[in-house]
């Protein structure tokens, strides 16, 4: 699982990054078959068959992946070229990639085989494994969208399989083909468990058993502020301090391998290591909260990159782990891996998704709020005046980034020269001469006080009145790039622009996603940004130009 990084931190590095393409490009598959033999609840073997053709005049690579809890026990491949069959020497024609992250519990190792041009191929490989919990999903038409696809499972007499959104359970030998998929269903999720066991209960107990040997939290390793707060009893301040401790002191690792790809580290080990993956950080926060008497649950979760609703106990549906805190009749979903996250708000990675609360006796699946409690805002408060020295228009601007927008500036200190990066951001928004008079930062906002004489191209003197061209404001597309980037496009936000000592003449249409509040000489425009109306081609950009960027008279 990858931690989100905002535009402001990466602003001086890059606006775009390329994505790699994975797959068996150039190959056509006529058959894909998976045969699974389950020996017991903790032992199974798979045989995977592929038939197809390379119809190009170049060599092509065939890729297949094995999860880290499985062992590749055999592999063989053959080709037919111009009617002649030939075995492929796989050992001399076989590459292994680095480990990619497949789910919250398990890594994936990808292999590839080079196939000659203009050939018909047959490839087979077998694996063995110890955890049937990972037999959890079937892709429609298989991995490579073969013309003919089927998935065969044989279970011992004491086991059965439950399926997502299906009441029927399967036992013995059963076969799944692409005809078994429901409309718009790209994957079938299932769970193998003892006969008569309820899937959620089995899934819940499986994880608890994996972590039951964890030792109690060593409180002598904790900072003094947590101990002092705990003496006053349970409180929001104490819970917030526990969250901040893990968020700020444990370095997040994206990839784990081996035993800790499956089981969270013990909390004491994570404290001493000062690093961990999402499971390690969640386990530490969970044990901190439990130690201080809070109702806390380790929670298997998913990020918004997983499109299916997480409502069935399948490892394949999850790729993350968080902590769910129940406090004062409210549920808090706490993700320590994302530093640009306030206590009380879900992280951007899980916003609007679902979580499975381990150990909760009822309502184990909980929806994660789709809207932040602390809605971000960007405030521009302008006060226009005549400069006594130059007798030309000037302004003082208080620029305030609130909530999630403000967190970015606080955390830039961890990524090098924050002052230099801040200056570049402000220079980007105000590309003419200006001075940053002061900076102020609190938990929920960061403010800058800026002063500037207006360049002569932004005002006119007519009949002793100064007309200010409001094109001196930062371009709305630039503000969106800085504050309302790809991450924040998943929530609503407001830009508030206040003008003092300016008189407006234009008519105004309040139905365009912009509100206007007038109080004496103060005019406040509130731009309500949503994923639908923002961006370079969003309607708000045109409304901005139509209703706001017009001359106004400075009031002396």
Protein backbone atom coordinates (compact mmCIF):
# COMPACT_ATOMS: atom_id res chain seq x y z
CA UNK A 1 0.00 0.00 0.00
CA UNK A 2 1.44 3.34 -1.01
CA UNK A 3 1.22 6.44 1.08
CA UNK A 4 -0.25 9.47 -0.71
CA UNK A 5 2.01 12.49 -1.17
CA UNK A 6 0.49 15.86 -1.94
CA UNK A 7 1.33 18.23 -4.76
CA UNK A 8 2.84 20.81 -2.45
CA UNK A 9 5.59 18.49 -1.27
CA UNK A 10 6.37 17.26 -4.78
CA UNK A 11 5.82 20.67 -6.41
CA UNK A 12 9.47 21.36 -7.03
CA UNK A 13 10.10 17.82 -8.31
CA UNK A 14 7.53 16.86 -10.93
CA UNK A 15 3.92 17.29 -12.00
CA UNK A 16 3.63 13.96 -13.77
CA UNK A 17 5.06 10.45 -13.51
CA UNK A 18 4.89 7.56 -15.97
CA UNK A 19 3.30 4.21 -15.21
CA UNK A 20 4.73 0.88 -16.32
CA UNK A 21 2.69 -1.60 -18.35
CA UNK A 22 2.45 -5.16 -17.07
CA UNK A 23 1.15 -8.17 -18.95
CA UNK A 24 1.73 -10.66 -21.76
CA UNK A 25 1.56 -8.11 -24.56
CA UNK A 26 1.42 -9.61 -28.05
CA UNK A 27 0.22 -13.04 -26.91
CA UNK A 28 -3.18 -14.56 -27.65
CA UNK A 29 -4.56 -17.08 -25.12
CA UNK A 30 -6.90 -19.87 -26.15
CA UNK A 31 -7.03 -21.67 -22.77
CA UNK A 32 -6.42 -20.80 -19.13
CA UNK A 33 -7.11 -23.45 -16.51
CA UNK A 34 -6.44 -23.46 -12.76
CA UNK A 35 -6.82 -26.68 -10.80
CA UNK A 36 -6.71 -26.43 -6.99
CA UNK A 37 -6.42 -29.43 -4.69
CA UNK A 38 -7.10 -28.52 -1.05
CA UNK A 39 -5.70 -31.09 1.38
CA UNK A 40 -6.68 -29.34 4.62
CA UNK A 41 -7.49 -25.87 5.96
CA UNK A 42 -3.77 -25.05 5.87
CA UNK A 43 -2.48 -26.96 2.84
CA UNK A 44 -3.20 -26.86 -0.91
CA UNK A 45 -1.59 -27.23 -4.34
CA UNK A 46 -2.39 -25.51 -7.62
CA UNK A 47 -1.72 -26.50 -11.23
CA UNK A 48 -1.93 -23.65 -13.74
CA UNK A 49 -2.25 -24.31 -17.48
CA UNK A 50 -1.98 -21.82 -20.36
CA UNK A 51 -2.28 -22.40 -24.10
CA UNK A 52 -2.05 -19.81 -26.82
CA UNK A 53 0.04 -18.31 -29.58
CA UNK A 54 2.60 -15.64 -30.29
CA UNK A 55 1.42 -14.29 -33.64
CA UNK A 56 4.08 -11.58 -33.86
CA UNK A 57 7.48 -11.61 -35.54
CA UNK A 58 9.23 -10.82 -32.27
CA UNK A 59 9.92 -12.63 -29.02
CA UNK A 60 7.29 -12.02 -26.34
CA UNK A 61 7.35 -12.52 -22.59
CA UNK A 62 4.75 -14.55 -20.73
CA UNK A 63 4.28 -13.37 -17.13
CA UNK A 64 2.82 -15.19 -14.15
CA UNK A 65 2.75 -14.34 -10.43
CA UNK A 66 3.08 -16.42 -7.28
CA UNK A 67 2.14 -15.00 -3.88
CA UNK A 68 4.81 -15.08 -1.20
CA UNK A 69 3.03 -17.71 0.92
CA UNK A 70 3.11 -20.13 -2.03
CA UNK A 71 6.09 -22.12 -3.23
CA UNK A 72 6.76 -22.67 -6.93
CA UNK A 73 7.44 -26.43 -7.11
CA UNK A 74 7.58 -27.10 -10.86
CA UNK A 75 7.32 -25.43 -14.27
CA UNK A 76 7.38 -26.59 -17.87
CA UNK A 77 6.75 -25.09 -21.28
CA UNK A 78 6.72 -26.21 -24.91
CA UNK A 79 6.17 -24.53 -28.27
CA UNK A 80 5.16 -25.59 -31.77
CA UNK A 81 6.96 -23.77 -34.58
CA UNK A 82 6.06 -24.61 -38.18
CA UNK A 83 4.45 -27.84 -37.02
CA UNK A 84 7.40 -29.01 -34.94
CA UNK A 85 7.09 -29.37 -31.15
CA UNK A 86 9.94 -28.22 -28.96
CA UNK A 87 10.41 -28.02 -25.21
CA UNK A 88 11.66 -24.73 -23.76
CA UNK A 89 14.65 -24.85 -21.44
CA UNK A 90 12.97 -22.76 -18.75
CA UNK A 91 15.97 -22.58 -16.43
CA UNK A 92 17.98 -20.72 -19.07
CA UNK A 93 14.98 -18.67 -20.19
CA UNK A 94 13.43 -17.61 -16.92
CA UNK A 95 13.50 -14.30 -15.04
CA UNK A 96 12.13 -13.26 -11.64
CA UNK A 97 11.02 -9.71 -10.87
CA UNK A 98 11.25 -7.83 -7.60
CA UNK A 99 8.42 -8.25 -5.14
CA UNK A 100 5.30 -6.17 -5.71
CA UNK A 101 2.64 -5.65 -3.06
CA UNK A 102 -0.55 -7.58 -3.68
CA UNK A 103 -2.63 -7.32 -0.52
CA UNK A 104 -2.52 -6.25 3.10
CA UNK A 105 -0.98 -9.59 4.03
CA UNK A 106 1.05 -10.91 1.16
CA UNK A 107 3.64 -9.98 -1.41
CA UNK A 108 3.76 -11.17 -5.03
CA UNK A 109 6.74 -12.48 -6.98
CA UNK A 110 6.44 -12.20 -10.75
CA UNK A 111 8.13 -14.61 -13.17
CA UNK A 112 8.50 -14.43 -16.92
CA UNK A 113 9.31 -16.82 -19.78
CA UNK A 114 10.53 -15.70 -23.21
CA UNK A 115 8.54 -17.20 -26.11
CA UNK A 116 9.84 -17.29 -29.70
CA UNK A 117 8.00 -15.53 -32.56
CA UNK A 118 5.26 -17.24 -34.59
CA UNK A 119 4.69 -20.12 -32.21
CA UNK A 120 1.95 -22.02 -30.42
CA UNK A 121 2.79 -22.46 -26.74
CA UNK A 122 1.77 -24.57 -23.77
CA UNK A 123 2.89 -23.52 -20.27
CA UNK A 124 2.22 -25.18 -16.92
CA UNK A 125 3.42 -24.46 -13.39
CA UNK A 126 2.54 -25.88 -9.99
CA UNK A 127 2.61 -24.35 -6.52
CA UNK A 128 2.06 -25.48 -2.96
CA UNK A 129 0.98 -23.38 0.01
CA UNK A 130 0.07 -23.48 3.69
CA UNK A 131 -2.73 -20.90 3.99
CA UNK A 132 -6.06 -21.49 2.20
CA UNK A 133 -7.12 -18.02 3.38
CA UNK A 134 -5.27 -16.75 0.29
CA UNK A 135 -7.45 -18.78 -2.06
CA UNK A 136 -9.86 -15.90 -2.23
CA UNK A 137 -10.70 -14.64 -5.73
CA UNK A 138 -11.22 -15.70 -9.33
CA UNK A 139 -10.79 -13.26 -12.21
CA UNK A 140 -13.32 -13.26 -15.03
CA UNK A 141 -11.83 -15.05 -18.09
CA UNK A 142 -8.66 -15.54 -16.06
CA UNK A 143 -5.57 -13.38 -15.86
CA UNK A 144 -5.05 -13.15 -19.62
CA UNK A 145 -8.67 -13.05 -20.90
CA UNK A 146 -8.42 -16.47 -22.56
CA UNK A 147 -11.08 -17.70 -25.00
CA UNK A 148 -11.70 -20.74 -22.80
CA UNK A 149 -11.33 -20.41 -19.03
CA UNK A 150 -12.21 -22.51 -16.01
CA UNK A 151 -11.22 -22.76 -12.37
CA UNK A 152 -11.53 -26.14 -10.63
CA UNK A 153 -11.38 -26.72 -6.86
CA UNK A 154 -11.49 -29.98 -4.91
CA UNK A 155 -12.17 -29.77 -1.17
CA UNK A 156 -11.89 -32.44 1.54
CA UNK A 157 -15.07 -33.60 3.24
CA UNK A 158 -14.73 -31.28 6.26
CA UNK A 159 -14.38 -28.02 4.30
CA UNK A 160 -16.68 -25.85 2.18
CA UNK A 161 -16.53 -22.57 0.28
CA UNK A 162 -18.72 -19.48 0.79
CA UNK A 163 -19.07 -16.91 -1.99
CA UNK A 164 -19.68 -13.18 -1.94
CA UNK A 165 -23.28 -12.19 -2.75
CA UNK A 166 -24.32 -15.85 -3.04
CA UNK A 167 -26.20 -17.98 -0.53
CA UNK A 168 -25.09 -21.30 -2.03
CA UNK A 169 -22.03 -22.96 -0.53
CA UNK A 170 -19.86 -25.37 -2.51
CA UNK A 171 -18.12 -28.54 -1.33
CA UNK A 172 -16.32 -31.50 -2.85
CA UNK A 173 -15.27 -30.74 -6.44
CA UNK A 174 -16.65 -27.67 -8.19
CA UNK A 175 -15.83 -25.70 -11.33
CA UNK A 176 -16.15 -21.96 -12.02
CA UNK A 177 -16.22 -20.64 -15.60
CA UNK A 178 -16.86 -17.14 -16.93
CA UNK A 179 -20.53 -18.13 -17.23
CA UNK A 180 -20.77 -18.10 -13.42
CA UNK A 181 -19.99 -14.40 -13.12
CA UNK A 182 -22.84 -12.02 -12.42
CA UNK A 183 -23.51 -8.95 -14.57
CA UNK A 184 -20.70 -6.38 -14.20
CA UNK A 185 -18.82 -8.75 -11.88
CA UNK A 186 -15.12 -8.84 -12.76
CA UNK A 187 -14.06 -11.05 -9.84
CA UNK A 188 -15.70 -13.77 -7.75
CA UNK A 189 -14.60 -13.63 -4.11
CA UNK A 190 -14.78 -16.74 -1.94
CA UNK A 191 -13.58 -18.11 1.40
CA UNK A 192 -12.71 -21.73 2.24
CA UNK A 193 -13.59 -22.63 5.84
CA UNK A 194 -14.67 -25.57 8.03
CA UNK A 195 -18.17 -26.81 7.29
CA UNK A 196 -20.79 -25.02 9.35
CA UNK A 197 -18.53 -22.09 10.23
CA UNK A 198 -19.80 -18.58 9.57
CA UNK A 199 -17.38 -16.83 7.13
CA UNK A 200 -16.98 -13.59 9.11
CA UNK A 201 -16.37 -15.48 12.35
CA UNK A 202 -13.81 -17.78 10.77
CA UNK A 203 -12.00 -14.87 9.11
CA UNK A 204 -12.01 -12.94 12.39
CA UNK A 205 -10.68 -15.88 14.43
CA UNK A 206 -8.01 -16.64 11.82
CA UNK A 207 -6.41 -13.22 12.24
CA UNK A 208 -6.73 -13.22 16.05
CA UNK A 209 -4.95 -16.58 16.19
CA UNK A 210 -2.11 -15.20 14.07
CA UNK A 211 -1.45 -12.42 16.58
CA UNK A 212 -2.35 -14.07 19.88
CA UNK A 213 1.30 -14.62 20.79
CA UNK A 214 2.09 -10.90 20.84
CA UNK A 215 3.50 -9.76 24.15
CA UNK A 216 1.98 -6.93 26.17
CA UNK A 217 3.03 -3.35 25.47
CA UNK A 218 6.14 -2.28 27.40
CA UNK A 219 5.03 1.09 28.79
CA UNK A 220 8.59 2.01 29.76
CA UNK A 221 9.26 2.54 26.03
CA UNK A 222 6.57 5.22 25.76
CA UNK A 223 7.21 8.98 25.88
CA UNK A 224 6.44 10.87 29.08
CA UNK A 225 3.63 12.95 27.56
CA UNK A 226 1.51 9.82 26.99
CA UNK A 227 2.06 8.66 30.56
CA UNK A 228 1.18 12.11 31.95
CA UNK A 229 -2.01 12.33 29.87
CA UNK A 230 -3.02 8.80 30.89
CA UNK A 231 -2.90 9.78 34.56
CA UNK A 232 -5.81 12.16 33.88
CA UNK A 233 -7.93 9.33 32.45
CA UNK A 234 -9.25 8.54 29.00
CA UNK A 235 -9.74 11.61 26.83
CA UNK A 236 -9.79 12.76 23.23
CA UNK A 237 -6.47 14.47 23.93
CA UNK A 238 -4.90 11.15 25.00
CA UNK A 239 -6.24 9.28 21.95
CA UNK A 240 -4.99 12.08 19.70
CA UNK A 241 -1.56 11.93 21.35
CA UNK A 242 -1.35 8.15 20.73
CA UNK A 243 -2.20 8.69 17.07
CA UNK A 244 0.35 11.50 16.73
CA UNK A 245 3.06 9.40 18.42
CA UNK A 246 2.77 6.58 15.86
CA UNK A 247 2.22 8.94 12.93
CA UNK A 248 5.28 11.06 13.69
CA UNK A 249 7.76 8.56 15.17
CA UNK A 250 7.35 5.41 13.08
CA UNK A 251 8.73 5.47 9.55
CA UNK A 252 6.28 3.89 7.14
CA UNK A 253 7.54 1.01 4.95
CA UNK A 254 5.51 0.12 1.87
CA UNK A 255 6.76 -3.43 1.27
CA UNK A 256 7.27 -6.30 3.69
CA UNK A 257 8.39 -9.85 2.98
CA UNK A 258 8.55 -13.15 4.80
CA UNK A 259 6.75 -13.65 8.09
CA UNK A 260 5.93 -9.97 8.57
CA UNK A 261 4.19 -9.86 5.22
CA UNK A 262 1.54 -11.93 6.98
CA UNK A 263 1.63 -11.02 10.68
CA UNK A 264 2.03 -7.55 12.22
CA UNK A 265 5.16 -7.10 14.29
CA UNK A 266 4.82 -6.86 18.02
CA UNK A 267 4.27 -3.28 19.15
CA UNK A 268 7.45 -3.20 21.27
CA UNK A 269 9.54 -4.25 18.28
CA UNK A 270 8.01 -1.51 16.11
CA UNK A 271 8.78 1.11 18.79
CA UNK A 272 12.40 0.00 18.93
CA UNK A 273 12.77 -0.33 15.13
CA UNK A 274 11.11 3.06 14.52
CA UNK A 275 9.70 1.70 11.26
CA UNK A 276 6.92 -0.61 10.07
CA UNK A 277 4.29 -1.24 7.41
CA UNK A 278 0.60 -0.45 7.76
CA UNK A 279 -0.04 -3.58 9.86
CA UNK A 280 2.85 -2.82 12.22
CA UNK A 281 1.75 0.79 12.71
CA UNK A 282 -1.87 -0.28 13.23
CA UNK A 283 -0.85 -2.92 15.79
CA UNK A 284 1.21 -0.36 17.74
CA UNK A 285 -1.61 2.20 17.80
CA UNK A 286 -4.14 -0.49 18.71
CA UNK A 287 -2.06 -1.68 21.65
CA UNK A 288 -1.47 1.89 22.80
CA UNK A 289 -5.20 2.61 22.83
CA UNK A 290 -6.06 -0.71 24.49
CA UNK A 291 -3.36 -0.11 27.11
CA UNK A 292 -5.03 3.19 28.05
CA UNK A 293 -8.51 1.61 28.23
CA UNK A 294 -10.00 2.65 24.87
CA UNK A 295 -12.29 0.45 22.77
CA UNK A 296 -10.05 -0.22 19.79
CA UNK A 297 -10.13 -2.68 16.88
CA UNK A 298 -7.49 -3.74 14.40
CA UNK A 299 -9.28 -3.26 11.08
CA UNK A 300 -8.62 -4.85 7.73
CA UNK A 301 -9.25 -2.16 5.18
CA UNK A 302 -8.90 -1.25 1.54
CA UNK A 303 -7.84 1.86 -0.32
CA UNK A 304 -9.97 3.60 -2.93
CA UNK A 305 -7.93 1.88 -5.66
CA UNK A 306 -9.91 -1.28 -4.89
CA UNK A 307 -13.24 -0.76 -6.61
CA UNK A 308 -15.35 -3.53 -5.05
CA UNK A 309 -17.26 -2.83 -1.86
CA UNK A 310 -15.53 -4.55 1.04
CA UNK A 311 -18.45 -6.56 2.44
CA UNK A 312 -17.10 -10.10 2.39
CA UNK A 313 -14.18 -11.69 4.30
CA UNK A 314 -11.73 -12.00 1.42
CA UNK A 315 -8.02 -11.19 1.59
CA UNK A 316 -8.14 -10.26 -2.10
CA UNK A 317 -10.55 -7.41 -1.33
CA UNK A 318 -8.14 -5.78 1.15
CA UNK A 319 -4.79 -4.06 0.75
CA UNK A 320 -4.47 -2.01 3.92
CA UNK A 321 -4.83 -2.09 7.71
CA UNK A 322 -5.97 0.68 10.07
CA UNK A 323 -7.32 1.07 13.62
CA UNK A 324 -10.97 1.76 14.43
CA UNK A 325 -11.53 3.63 17.70
CA UNK A 326 -14.92 3.82 19.39
CA UNK A 327 -15.00 6.84 21.70
CA UNK A 328 -17.92 8.86 23.06
CA UNK A 329 -20.40 7.09 20.74
CA UNK A 330 -18.37 7.95 17.67
CA UNK A 331 -16.25 5.81 15.33
CA UNK A 332 -12.79 7.08 14.36
CA UNK A 333 -10.89 5.45 11.50
CA UNK A 334 -7.20 6.03 12.19
CA UNK A 335 -4.52 5.55 9.53
CA UNK A 336 -1.03 6.44 10.80
CA UNK A 337 0.66 5.82 7.44
CA UNK A 338 -0.53 9.13 5.98
CA UNK A 339 1.07 12.13 7.63
CA UNK A 340 -1.16 14.71 5.97
CA UNK A 341 -4.07 13.45 8.05
CA UNK A 342 -5.74 14.99 11.10
CA UNK A 343 -7.00 12.88 13.98
CA UNK A 344 -10.72 12.40 13.37
CA UNK A 345 -10.46 12.41 9.58
CA UNK A 346 -10.00 9.22 7.55
CA UNK A 347 -6.88 9.29 5.40
CA UNK A 348 -7.30 10.11 1.73
CA UNK A 349 -6.47 6.50 0.90
CA UNK A 350 -9.55 5.06 2.63
CA UNK A 351 -12.01 7.95 2.30
CA UNK A 352 -15.43 6.54 1.35
CA UNK A 353 -14.38 2.87 1.57
CA UNK A 354 -15.08 0.13 4.14
CA UNK A 355 -13.31 -1.67 6.97
CA UNK A 356 -13.66 -5.03 8.73
CA UNK A 357 -13.24 -4.63 12.50
CA UNK A 358 -11.39 -7.61 14.00
CA UNK A 359 -12.91 -8.73 17.29
CA UNK A 360 -16.13 -6.71 17.05
CA UNK A 361 -19.07 -8.94 17.89
CA UNK A 362 -21.59 -7.24 15.59
CA UNK A 363 -21.61 -4.83 12.66
CA UNK A 364 -18.07 -5.83 11.80
CA UNK A 365 -18.19 -4.11 8.40
CA UNK A 366 -18.20 -0.37 8.88
CA UNK A 367 -18.38 2.32 6.17
CA UNK A 368 -15.57 4.86 6.28
CA UNK A 369 -16.95 8.42 5.92
CA UNK A 370 -16.76 9.79 2.39
CA UNK A 371 -16.46 13.40 3.58
CA UNK A 372 -13.80 14.85 5.83
CA UNK A 373 -14.83 16.20 9.23
CA UNK A 374 -12.34 19.04 8.84
CA UNK A 375 -13.13 20.35 5.36
CA UNK A 376 -10.12 22.07 3.78
CA UNK A 377 -10.25 25.75 2.86
CA UNK A 378 -8.00 28.20 1.12
CA UNK A 379 -8.56 31.83 2.20
CA UNK A 380 -7.28 34.94 0.44
CA UNK A 381 -8.01 38.11 2.43
CA UNK A 382 -7.07 41.23 0.46
CA UNK A 383 -6.94 44.77 1.84
CA UNK A 384 -6.28 47.31 -0.90
CA UNK A 385 -4.90 50.80 -0.20
CA UNK A 386 -2.81 53.59 -1.70
CA UNK A 387 0.87 53.35 -0.85
CA UNK A 388 1.83 56.61 0.97
CA UNK A 389 5.27 56.66 -0.65
CA UNK A 390 4.35 55.87 -4.25
CA UNK A 391 0.71 57.00 -4.22
CA UNK A 392 -0.06 53.89 -6.21
CA UNK A 393 -2.38 51.00 -5.40
CA UNK A 394 -1.00 48.28 -3.16
CA UNK A 395 -2.44 45.46 -1.11
CA UNK A 396 -1.82 43.32 1.91
CA UNK A 397 -2.84 39.68 1.56
CA UNK A 398 -3.38 37.11 4.27
CA UNK A 399 -3.15 33.72 2.58
CA UNK A 400 -4.42 30.88 4.82
CA UNK A 401 -4.35 27.15 4.12
CA UNK A 402 -6.71 25.35 6.51
CA UNK A 403 -7.07 21.74 7.66
CA UNK A 404 -5.60 19.27 5.14
CA UNK A 405 -4.26 22.13 2.98
CA UNK A 406 -2.46 23.54 6.03
CA UNK A 407 -0.97 20.19 7.06
CA UNK A 408 1.14 20.14 3.93
CA UNK A 409 3.22 23.12 5.02
CA UNK A 410 3.76 21.67 8.49
CA UNK A 411 5.11 18.43 7.07
CA UNK A 412 7.36 20.01 4.46
CA UNK A 413 9.90 20.35 7.28
CA UNK A 414 10.52 16.61 6.90
CA UNK A 415 11.43 16.92 3.24
CA UNK A 416 14.35 19.36 3.18
CA UNK A 417 14.30 23.13 3.03
CA UNK A 418 10.66 23.97 3.81
CA UNK A 419 11.27 27.74 3.64
CA UNK A 420 12.61 27.50 0.09
CA UNK A 421 9.74 25.27 -1.04
CA UNK A 422 7.21 27.61 0.54
CA UNK A 423 8.77 30.56 -1.26
CA UNK A 424 8.56 28.74 -4.59
CA UNK A 425 4.90 27.96 -4.03
CA UNK A 426 4.04 31.58 -3.18
CA UNK A 427 6.14 32.85 -6.12
CA UNK A 428 4.17 30.47 -8.34
CA UNK A 429 0.86 31.94 -7.17
CA UNK A 430 2.06 35.59 -7.18
CA UNK A 431 4.49 35.92 -10.13
CA UNK A 432 5.37 39.60 -9.53
CA UNK A 433 7.24 41.50 -6.81
CA UNK A 434 5.95 40.83 -3.30
CA UNK A 435 7.16 40.39 0.26
CA UNK A 436 6.30 37.64 2.74
CA UNK A 437 5.99 39.66 5.95
CA UNK A 438 5.24 36.80 8.36
CA UNK A 439 4.29 33.13 8.65
CA UNK A 440 2.16 31.43 11.27
CA UNK A 441 1.38 27.72 11.63
CA UNK A 442 -0.92 25.80 14.00
CA UNK A 443 -2.33 22.27 13.96
CA UNK A 444 -5.20 23.21 11.67
CA UNK A 445 -3.83 26.00 9.48
CA UNK A 446 -0.83 27.77 8.02
CA UNK A 447 -1.00 31.50 7.20
CA UNK A 448 1.22 33.91 5.27
CA UNK A 449 1.01 37.71 5.41
CA UNK A 450 2.08 39.11 2.06
CA UNK A 451 2.37 42.71 0.85
CA UNK A 452 2.79 43.99 -2.68
CA UNK A 453 2.61 47.12 -4.77
CA UNK A 454 0.49 46.48 -7.81
CA UNK A 455 2.37 46.46 -11.12
CA UNK A 456 1.23 49.32 -13.36
CA UNK A 457 -0.38 46.82 -15.77
CA UNK A 458 -2.94 45.94 -13.11
CA UNK A 459 -4.50 49.40 -12.48
CA UNK A 460 -5.70 52.56 -14.22
CA UNK A 461 -6.34 56.08 -12.89
CA UNK A 462 -9.51 57.55 -14.41
CA UNK A 463 -11.13 60.75 -13.11
CA UNK A 464 -9.17 60.49 -9.86
CA UNK A 465 -10.40 56.94 -9.27
CA UNK A 466 -8.15 53.90 -9.33
CA UNK A 467 -9.57 50.90 -11.18
CA UNK A 468 -7.96 47.63 -10.07
CA UNK A 469 -7.76 44.82 -12.62
CA UNK A 470 -8.46 41.69 -10.56
CA UNK A 471 -6.38 39.61 -12.92
CA UNK A 472 -3.69 40.36 -10.36
CA UNK A 473 -5.20 37.51 -8.33
CA UNK A 474 -3.53 34.10 -8.56
CA UNK A 475 -4.91 32.11 -11.47
CA UNK A 476 -7.58 29.71 -10.27
CA UNK A 477 -5.97 26.82 -12.18
CA UNK A 478 -2.72 27.48 -10.28
CA UNK A 479 -4.55 27.49 -6.95
CA UNK A 480 -6.18 24.19 -7.89
CA UNK A 481 -2.81 22.72 -8.82
CA UNK A 482 -1.34 23.74 -5.47
CA UNK A 483 -4.22 22.91 -3.16
CA UNK A 484 -6.86 20.96 -5.04
CA UNK A 485 -4.77 18.25 -6.66
CA UNK A 486 -5.46 14.63 -7.59
CA UNK A 487 -5.59 13.53 -3.94
CA UNK A 488 -7.98 16.25 -2.83
CA UNK A 489 -10.20 15.76 -5.86
CA UNK A 490 -11.93 13.12 -3.74
CA UNK A 491 -13.45 15.67 -1.37
CA UNK A 492 -15.15 19.05 -1.54
CA UNK A 493 -13.32 22.22 -0.56
CA UNK A 494 -13.85 25.99 -0.50
CA UNK A 495 -11.76 28.88 -1.74
CA UNK A 496 -12.72 32.11 0.03
CA UNK A 497 -11.53 35.41 -1.40
CA UNK A 498 -12.21 38.57 0.60
CA UNK A 499 -11.71 42.09 -0.75
CA UNK A 500 -11.60 45.08 1.57
CA UNK A 501 -11.69 48.67 0.33
CA UNK A 502 -12.85 47.67 -3.15
CA UNK A 503 -16.13 48.60 -4.77
CA UNK A 504 -17.63 46.22 -7.34
CA UNK A 505 -19.98 47.23 -10.14
CA UNK A 506 -20.60 44.04 -12.07
CA UNK A 507 -23.77 41.99 -11.77
CA UNK A 508 -23.40 38.62 -10.13
CA UNK A 509 -25.08 35.26 -10.67
CA UNK A 510 -25.08 33.30 -7.38
CA UNK A 511 -26.13 30.05 -9.11
CA UNK A 512 -22.71 29.37 -10.59
CA UNK A 513 -21.09 27.70 -7.60
CA UNK A 514 -19.92 31.05 -6.17
CA UNK A 515 -21.51 32.85 -3.22
CA UNK A 516 -21.06 36.56 -2.49
CA UNK A 517 -21.29 38.10 0.97
CA UNK A 518 -21.08 41.89 1.34
CA UNK A 519 -20.50 43.72 4.62
CA UNK A 520 -19.74 47.45 4.31
CA UNK A 521 -16.61 47.74 2.20
CA UNK A 522 -15.86 44.04 2.49
CA UNK A 523 -16.87 41.65 -0.29
CA UNK A 524 -16.38 37.92 0.23
CA UNK A 525 -16.52 35.46 -2.65
CA UNK A 526 -16.86 31.80 -1.68
CA UNK A 527 -16.02 29.32 -4.41
CA UNK A 528 -17.43 25.87 -3.68
CA UNK A 529 -15.09 23.38 -5.31
CA UNK A 530 -16.20 19.85 -6.11
CA UNK A 531 -14.65 17.09 -8.21
CA UNK A 532 -17.23 17.91 -10.88
CA UNK A 533 -16.67 21.66 -11.34
CA UNK A 534 -12.89 21.97 -10.94
CA UNK A 535 -9.90 21.48 -13.21
CA UNK A 536 -8.73 23.41 -16.26
CA UNK A 537 -11.94 22.57 -18.13
CA UNK A 538 -14.23 22.70 -15.11
CA UNK A 539 -17.12 25.19 -15.25
CA UNK A 540 -15.83 27.04 -12.18
CA UNK A 541 -12.80 28.22 -14.16
CA UNK A 542 -15.05 30.01 -16.65
CA UNK A 543 -17.28 31.37 -13.89
CA UNK A 544 -14.19 32.79 -12.21
CA UNK A 545 -13.25 34.68 -15.35
CA UNK A 546 -16.81 35.80 -16.04
CA UNK A 547 -17.92 36.95 -12.61
CA UNK A 548 -14.78 37.83 -10.70
CA UNK A 549 -11.90 38.98 -12.86
CA UNK A 550 -13.25 42.44 -13.68
CA UNK A 551 -12.07 45.92 -12.69
CA UNK A 552 -13.09 47.25 -9.29
CA UNK A 553 -12.69 50.72 -7.76
CA UNK A 554 -10.35 51.20 -4.81
CA UNK A 555 -11.99 53.05 -1.91
CA UNK A 556 -9.61 55.61 -0.41
